[in-house]
């Protein structure tokens, strides 16, 4: 079955953009780093706004949870503004977040291996017999 013409054109355009961006990163790695820092900061900005708004408006959660949401939101906003102002700090923060994440994943894997537990519990099957025995 053939794709509609509009879908094919969109795929070609998006593919061209992906190729252009990847060539830009290959030829100038700083471009890729700057893009990641910009995305990190923009994401923190959006998350911070969302947390503050939720903490101030959601009456269905406890006061301490709402306060915590507002605090985390303000912290996210502060980090976002700092990264926008000092992109080199953004590179350091991005590296630090990845390092901590990989460290936690590694520790978790070692702990599972030492304890002998499986990450995926075995499924149990039950058999039923029917009829007269």
N, C-alpha and C. Protein backbone atom coordinates (compact mmCIF):
# COMPACT_ATOMS: atom_id res chain seq x y z
N UNK A 1 0.84 -1.17 0.00
CA UNK A 1 0.00 0.00 0.00
C UNK A 1 0.89 1.24 0.00
N UNK A 2 0.60 2.16 -0.83
CA UNK A 2 1.42 3.35 -1.00
C UNK A 2 0.98 4.45 -0.05
N UNK A 3 1.97 5.20 0.47
CA UNK A 3 1.68 6.31 1.38
C UNK A 3 1.05 7.46 0.61
N UNK A 4 0.17 8.22 1.25
CA UNK A 4 -0.38 9.41 0.60
C UNK A 4 0.74 10.39 0.26
N UNK A 5 0.52 11.20 -0.76
CA UNK A 5 1.55 12.13 -1.25
C UNK A 5 2.02 13.08 -0.15
N UNK A 6 1.12 13.62 0.65
CA UNK A 6 1.49 14.55 1.72
C UNK A 6 2.41 13.91 2.74
N UNK A 7 2.14 12.64 3.08
CA UNK A 7 2.96 11.92 4.04
C UNK A 7 4.37 11.71 3.50
N UNK A 8 4.46 11.37 2.24
CA UNK A 8 5.78 11.16 1.62
C UNK A 8 6.58 12.44 1.60
N UNK A 9 5.93 13.55 1.28
CA UNK A 9 6.63 14.83 1.24
C UNK A 9 7.11 15.21 2.65
N UNK A 10 6.25 15.00 3.65
CA UNK A 10 6.63 15.30 5.03
C UNK A 10 7.82 14.44 5.46
N UNK A 11 7.81 13.17 5.10
CA UNK A 11 8.93 12.29 5.44
C UNK A 11 10.22 12.76 4.78
N UNK A 12 10.13 13.20 3.54
CA UNK A 12 11.32 13.69 2.83
C UNK A 12 11.85 14.95 3.50
N UNK A 13 10.96 15.88 3.84
CA UNK A 13 11.38 17.13 4.49
C UNK A 13 12.01 16.85 5.84
N UNK A 14 11.34 16.04 6.67
CA UNK A 14 11.87 15.72 7.99
C UNK A 14 13.18 14.95 7.90
N UNK A 15 13.28 14.05 6.95
CA UNK A 15 14.53 13.32 6.73
C UNK A 15 15.66 14.27 6.33
N UNK A 16 15.35 15.23 5.48
CA UNK A 16 16.35 16.22 5.08
C UNK A 16 16.81 17.07 6.25
N UNK A 17 15.86 17.46 7.11
CA UNK A 17 16.22 18.23 8.30
C UNK A 17 17.11 17.40 9.22
N UNK A 18 16.77 16.12 9.41
CA UNK A 18 17.57 15.25 10.26
C UNK A 18 18.99 15.09 9.71
N UNK A 19 19.11 14.93 8.40
CA UNK A 19 20.44 14.81 7.78
C UNK A 19 21.22 16.11 7.96
N UNK A 20 20.58 17.24 7.72
CA UNK A 20 21.26 18.54 7.86
C UNK A 20 21.73 18.76 9.29
N UNK A 21 20.87 18.46 10.26
CA UNK A 21 21.26 18.63 11.66
C UNK A 21 22.39 17.68 12.05
N UNK A 22 22.32 16.45 11.59
CA UNK A 22 23.38 15.49 11.93
C UNK A 22 24.71 15.91 11.31
N UNK A 23 24.68 16.42 10.06
CA UNK A 23 25.91 16.92 9.45
C UNK A 23 26.43 18.14 10.21
N UNK A 24 25.51 18.98 10.67
CA UNK A 24 25.93 20.13 11.47
C UNK A 24 26.63 19.71 12.75
N UNK A 25 26.14 18.67 13.39
CA UNK A 25 26.76 18.18 14.62
C UNK A 25 28.10 17.52 14.33
N UNK A 26 28.18 16.78 13.22
CA UNK A 26 29.45 16.13 12.85
C UNK A 26 30.52 17.18 12.54
N UNK A 27 30.14 18.21 11.79
CA UNK A 27 31.10 19.24 11.40
C UNK A 27 31.41 20.22 12.52
N UNK A 28 30.46 20.39 13.44
CA UNK A 28 30.65 21.33 14.55
C UNK A 28 30.01 20.74 15.81
N UNK A 29 30.75 19.92 16.55
CA UNK A 29 30.19 19.28 17.75
C UNK A 29 29.66 20.29 18.77
N UNK A 30 30.20 21.46 18.81
CA UNK A 30 29.71 22.48 19.72
C UNK A 30 28.25 22.82 19.46
N UNK A 31 27.83 22.72 18.20
CA UNK A 31 26.43 22.93 17.83
C UNK A 31 25.53 21.93 18.54
N UNK A 32 25.95 20.66 18.56
CA UNK A 32 25.17 19.62 19.24
C UNK A 32 25.11 19.84 20.73
N UNK A 33 26.23 20.23 21.31
CA UNK A 33 26.27 20.49 22.75
C UNK A 33 25.38 21.68 23.09
N UNK A 34 25.48 22.74 22.28
CA UNK A 34 24.65 23.93 22.53
C UNK A 34 23.17 23.60 22.41
N UNK A 35 22.82 22.75 21.44
CA UNK A 35 21.43 22.35 21.26
C UNK A 35 20.94 21.57 22.47
N UNK A 36 21.74 20.63 22.97
CA UNK A 36 21.36 19.86 24.16
C UNK A 36 21.18 20.77 25.37
N UNK A 37 22.08 21.73 25.53
CA UNK A 37 21.99 22.65 26.66
C UNK A 37 20.71 23.49 26.55
N UNK A 38 20.41 23.96 25.34
CA UNK A 38 19.20 24.75 25.13
C UNK A 38 17.95 23.91 25.43
N UNK A 39 17.92 22.66 24.98
CA UNK A 39 16.78 21.78 25.26
C UNK A 39 16.65 21.49 26.75
N UNK A 40 17.78 21.27 27.42
CA UNK A 40 17.77 21.04 28.87
C UNK A 40 17.18 22.24 29.59
N UNK A 41 17.64 23.42 29.25
CA UNK A 41 17.17 24.62 29.92
C UNK A 41 15.70 24.89 29.62
N UNK A 42 15.29 24.71 28.37
CA UNK A 42 13.88 24.93 28.02
C UNK A 42 12.98 23.93 28.73
N UNK A 43 13.43 22.69 28.83
CA UNK A 43 12.64 21.66 29.53
C UNK A 43 12.51 22.00 31.01
N UNK A 44 13.60 22.42 31.63
CA UNK A 44 13.54 22.81 33.03
C UNK A 44 12.61 24.00 33.23
N UNK A 45 12.60 24.92 32.28
CA UNK A 45 11.71 26.07 32.37
C UNK A 45 10.24 25.63 32.36
N UNK A 46 9.89 24.76 31.41
CA UNK A 46 8.52 24.27 31.29
C UNK A 46 8.12 23.46 32.52
N UNK A 47 9.01 22.57 32.97
CA UNK A 47 8.72 21.76 34.16
C UNK A 47 8.57 22.64 35.39
N UNK A 48 9.43 23.64 35.52
CA UNK A 48 9.33 24.54 36.66
C UNK A 48 8.01 25.28 36.69
N UNK A 49 7.60 25.81 35.55
CA UNK A 49 6.31 26.51 35.47
C UNK A 49 5.17 25.56 35.83
N UNK A 50 5.22 24.36 35.28
CA UNK A 50 4.16 23.37 35.55
C UNK A 50 4.08 23.04 37.03
N UNK A 51 5.23 22.84 37.67
CA UNK A 51 5.24 22.49 39.10
C UNK A 51 4.68 23.63 39.95
N UNK A 52 5.09 24.85 39.66
CA UNK A 52 4.61 25.99 40.44
C UNK A 52 3.10 26.16 40.27
N UNK A 53 2.63 26.08 39.04
CA UNK A 53 1.19 26.24 38.78
C UNK A 53 0.40 25.13 39.46
N UNK A 54 0.88 23.89 39.35
CA UNK A 54 0.19 22.77 40.00
C UNK A 54 0.18 22.94 41.52
N UNK A 55 1.32 23.33 42.08
CA UNK A 55 1.41 23.52 43.52
C UNK A 55 0.50 24.62 44.04
N UNK A 56 0.30 25.65 43.24
CA UNK A 56 -0.54 26.76 43.67
C UNK A 56 -2.03 26.53 43.44
N UNK A 57 -2.37 25.69 42.48
CA UNK A 57 -3.79 25.56 42.10
C UNK A 57 -4.45 24.25 42.48
N UNK A 58 -3.70 23.16 42.64
CA UNK A 58 -4.31 21.86 42.92
C UNK A 58 -4.67 21.74 44.39
N UNK A 59 -5.95 21.80 44.69
CA UNK A 59 -6.42 21.74 46.08
C UNK A 59 -6.64 20.30 46.55
N UNK A 60 -6.43 19.32 45.69
CA UNK A 60 -6.67 17.92 46.03
C UNK A 60 -5.47 17.24 46.67
N UNK A 61 -4.36 17.94 46.81
CA UNK A 61 -3.19 17.34 47.44
C UNK A 61 -2.88 18.09 48.72
N UNK A 62 -2.12 17.44 49.60
CA UNK A 62 -1.84 18.03 50.91
C UNK A 62 -1.01 19.30 50.78
N UNK A 63 -1.05 20.11 51.85
CA UNK A 63 -0.33 21.39 51.83
C UNK A 63 1.17 21.18 51.70
N UNK A 64 1.71 20.17 52.40
CA UNK A 64 3.15 19.96 52.31
C UNK A 64 3.55 19.51 50.91
N UNK A 65 2.70 18.72 50.23
CA UNK A 65 2.99 18.30 48.85
C UNK A 65 2.93 19.50 47.92
N UNK A 66 1.95 20.37 48.15
CA UNK A 66 1.84 21.57 47.32
C UNK A 66 3.06 22.47 47.54
N UNK A 67 3.49 22.61 48.78
CA UNK A 67 4.68 23.41 49.07
C UNK A 67 5.92 22.82 48.43
N UNK A 68 6.00 21.49 48.48
CA UNK A 68 7.14 20.80 47.86
C UNK A 68 7.14 21.02 46.35
N UNK A 69 5.96 20.92 45.72
CA UNK A 69 5.86 21.17 44.28
C UNK A 69 6.31 22.58 43.93
N UNK A 70 5.86 23.55 44.69
CA UNK A 70 6.25 24.93 44.42
C UNK A 70 7.77 25.09 44.60
N UNK A 71 8.31 24.49 45.66
CA UNK A 71 9.76 24.57 45.89
C UNK A 71 10.57 23.96 44.77
N UNK A 72 10.16 22.77 44.33
CA UNK A 72 10.85 22.10 43.23
C UNK A 72 10.70 22.92 41.94
N UNK A 73 9.52 23.49 41.73
CA UNK A 73 9.31 24.32 40.55
C UNK A 73 10.20 25.55 40.54
N UNK A 74 10.30 26.21 41.69
CA UNK A 74 11.17 27.39 41.78
C UNK A 74 12.62 27.00 41.56
N UNK A 75 13.04 25.87 42.12
CA UNK A 75 14.40 25.38 41.91
C UNK A 75 14.65 25.10 40.43
N UNK A 76 13.70 24.46 39.75
CA UNK A 76 13.83 24.19 38.32
C UNK A 76 13.93 25.48 37.53
N UNK A 77 13.13 26.46 37.89
CA UNK A 77 13.19 27.76 37.21
C UNK A 77 14.53 28.43 37.43
N UNK A 78 15.04 28.37 38.66
CA UNK A 78 16.33 28.99 38.96
C UNK A 78 17.46 28.33 38.16
N UNK A 79 17.44 26.99 38.10
CA UNK A 79 18.46 26.28 37.32
C UNK A 79 18.32 26.62 35.84
N UNK A 80 17.10 26.68 35.35
CA UNK A 80 16.87 27.00 33.95
C UNK A 80 17.42 28.38 33.60
N UNK A 81 17.10 29.38 34.42
CA UNK A 81 17.59 30.74 34.17
C UNK A 81 19.11 30.80 34.25
N UNK A 82 19.69 30.04 35.20
CA UNK A 82 21.14 30.00 35.35
C UNK A 82 21.79 29.39 34.11
N UNK A 83 21.20 28.31 33.60
CA UNK A 83 21.76 27.66 32.41
C UNK A 83 21.63 28.57 31.19
N UNK A 84 20.50 29.28 31.07
CA UNK A 84 20.37 30.24 29.97
C UNK A 84 21.44 31.33 30.06
N UNK A 85 21.73 31.77 31.29
CA UNK A 85 22.70 32.85 31.48
C UNK A 85 24.14 32.36 31.34
N UNK A 86 24.41 31.14 31.78
CA UNK A 86 25.76 30.58 31.76
C UNK A 86 25.75 29.20 31.10
N UNK A 87 25.80 29.13 29.76
CA UNK A 87 25.72 27.84 29.07
C UNK A 87 26.81 26.85 29.47
N UNK A 88 27.99 27.33 29.85
CA UNK A 88 29.05 26.40 30.27
C UNK A 88 28.61 25.64 31.51
N UNK A 89 27.89 26.31 32.40
CA UNK A 89 27.35 25.64 33.57
C UNK A 89 26.33 24.58 33.15
N UNK A 90 25.59 24.87 32.08
CA UNK A 90 24.63 23.90 31.55
C UNK A 90 25.32 22.62 31.09
N UNK A 91 26.47 22.77 30.45
CA UNK A 91 27.23 21.59 30.02
C UNK A 91 27.68 20.78 31.23
N UNK A 92 28.12 21.48 32.26
CA UNK A 92 28.53 20.79 33.49
C UNK A 92 27.35 20.07 34.13
N UNK A 93 26.20 20.75 34.22
CA UNK A 93 25.01 20.13 34.82
C UNK A 93 24.53 18.93 34.02
N UNK A 94 24.53 19.06 32.70
CA UNK A 94 24.12 17.94 31.84
C UNK A 94 25.03 16.74 32.06
N UNK A 95 26.33 16.99 32.12
CA UNK A 95 27.29 15.92 32.37
C UNK A 95 27.07 15.31 33.75
N UNK A 96 26.82 16.16 34.74
CA UNK A 96 26.61 15.68 36.10
C UNK A 96 25.35 14.82 36.21
N UNK A 97 24.27 15.25 35.56
CA UNK A 97 23.02 14.48 35.59
C UNK A 97 23.22 13.12 34.93
N UNK A 98 23.89 13.10 33.78
CA UNK A 98 24.14 11.82 33.12
C UNK A 98 25.03 10.93 33.96
N UNK A 99 26.05 11.50 34.59
CA UNK A 99 26.95 10.73 35.43
C UNK A 99 26.20 10.10 36.60
N UNK A 100 25.38 10.89 37.28
CA UNK A 100 24.62 10.37 38.43
C UNK A 100 23.65 9.28 37.99
N UNK A 101 22.98 9.50 36.87
CA UNK A 101 22.03 8.52 36.35
C UNK A 101 22.73 7.20 36.04
N UNK A 102 23.85 7.27 35.33
CA UNK A 102 24.58 6.04 34.98
C UNK A 102 25.14 5.37 36.23
N UNK A 103 25.59 6.15 37.20
CA UNK A 103 26.09 5.59 38.45
C UNK A 103 25.00 4.82 39.19
N UNK A 104 23.81 5.40 39.28
CA UNK A 104 22.69 4.73 39.95
C UNK A 104 22.30 3.45 39.21
N UNK A 105 22.26 3.50 37.89
CA UNK A 105 21.94 2.30 37.10
C UNK A 105 22.98 1.21 37.34
N UNK A 106 24.25 1.59 37.38
CA UNK A 106 25.31 0.61 37.62
C UNK A 106 25.22 -0.01 39.00
N UNK A 107 24.98 0.82 40.01
CA UNK A 107 24.85 0.30 41.38
C UNK A 107 23.66 -0.64 41.47
N UNK A 108 22.56 -0.27 40.84
CA UNK A 108 21.36 -1.11 40.86
C UNK A 108 21.65 -2.46 40.21
N UNK A 109 22.34 -2.45 39.08
CA UNK A 109 22.66 -3.70 38.38
C UNK A 109 23.55 -4.60 39.23
N UNK A 110 24.56 -4.02 39.88
CA UNK A 110 25.45 -4.80 40.73
C UNK A 110 24.68 -5.36 41.92
N UNK A 111 23.81 -4.55 42.53
CA UNK A 111 23.03 -5.02 43.68
C UNK A 111 22.12 -6.17 43.29
N UNK A 112 21.48 -6.06 42.13
CA UNK A 112 20.63 -7.17 41.67
C UNK A 112 21.44 -8.43 41.43
N UNK A 113 22.61 -8.27 40.84
CA UNK A 113 23.45 -9.43 40.54
C UNK A 113 23.94 -10.10 41.83
N UNK A 114 24.34 -9.31 42.81
CA UNK A 114 24.83 -9.86 44.07
C UNK A 114 23.70 -10.54 44.84
N UNK A 115 22.51 -9.95 44.83
CA UNK A 115 21.40 -10.52 45.59
C UNK A 115 20.80 -11.75 44.91
N UNK A 116 21.10 -11.95 43.65
CA UNK A 116 20.59 -13.11 42.93
C UNK A 116 19.17 -12.96 42.45
N UNK A 117 18.61 -11.77 42.55
CA UNK A 117 17.25 -11.54 42.07
C UNK A 117 17.27 -11.28 40.57
N UNK A 118 16.16 -11.60 39.98
CA UNK A 118 15.99 -11.31 38.56
C UNK A 118 15.23 -9.99 38.43
N UNK A 119 15.58 -9.22 37.42
CA UNK A 119 14.85 -7.98 37.18
C UNK A 119 13.44 -8.25 36.70
N UNK A 120 13.27 -9.36 36.04
CA UNK A 120 11.96 -9.73 35.50
C UNK A 120 11.49 -10.99 36.20
N UNK A 121 10.53 -10.86 37.09
CA UNK A 121 10.08 -12.05 37.81
C UNK A 121 9.53 -13.10 36.85
N UNK A 122 9.81 -14.34 37.19
CA UNK A 122 9.32 -15.43 36.36
C UNK A 122 7.81 -15.49 36.43
N UNK A 123 7.22 -15.78 35.31
CA UNK A 123 5.77 -15.91 35.30
C UNK A 123 5.44 -17.34 35.70
N UNK A 124 4.42 -17.46 36.49
CA UNK A 124 3.99 -18.78 36.92
C UNK A 124 2.84 -19.24 36.04
N UNK A 125 2.87 -20.48 35.73
CA UNK A 125 1.77 -21.03 34.94
C UNK A 125 1.03 -22.03 35.81
N UNK A 126 -0.21 -22.03 35.65
CA UNK A 126 -1.03 -23.00 36.39
C UNK A 126 -1.70 -23.90 35.39
N UNK A 127 -1.77 -25.13 35.78
CA UNK A 127 -2.45 -26.09 34.90
C UNK A 127 -3.67 -26.59 35.62
N UNK A 128 -4.69 -26.71 34.89
CA UNK A 128 -5.92 -27.24 35.46
C UNK A 128 -6.26 -28.51 34.71
N UNK A 129 -6.77 -29.41 35.44
CA UNK A 129 -7.19 -30.67 34.81
C UNK A 129 -8.70 -30.71 34.85
N UNK A 130 -9.20 -31.22 33.80
CA UNK A 130 -10.66 -31.37 33.73
C UNK A 130 -10.97 -32.83 33.51
N UNK A 131 -12.15 -33.17 33.85
CA UNK A 131 -12.57 -34.54 33.62
C UNK A 131 -12.50 -35.37 34.89
N UNK A 132 -12.77 -36.61 34.75
CA UNK A 132 -12.77 -37.53 35.90
C UNK A 132 -11.40 -38.17 36.04
N UNK A 133 -10.98 -38.30 37.27
CA UNK A 133 -9.69 -38.91 37.51
C UNK A 133 -9.85 -40.34 37.94
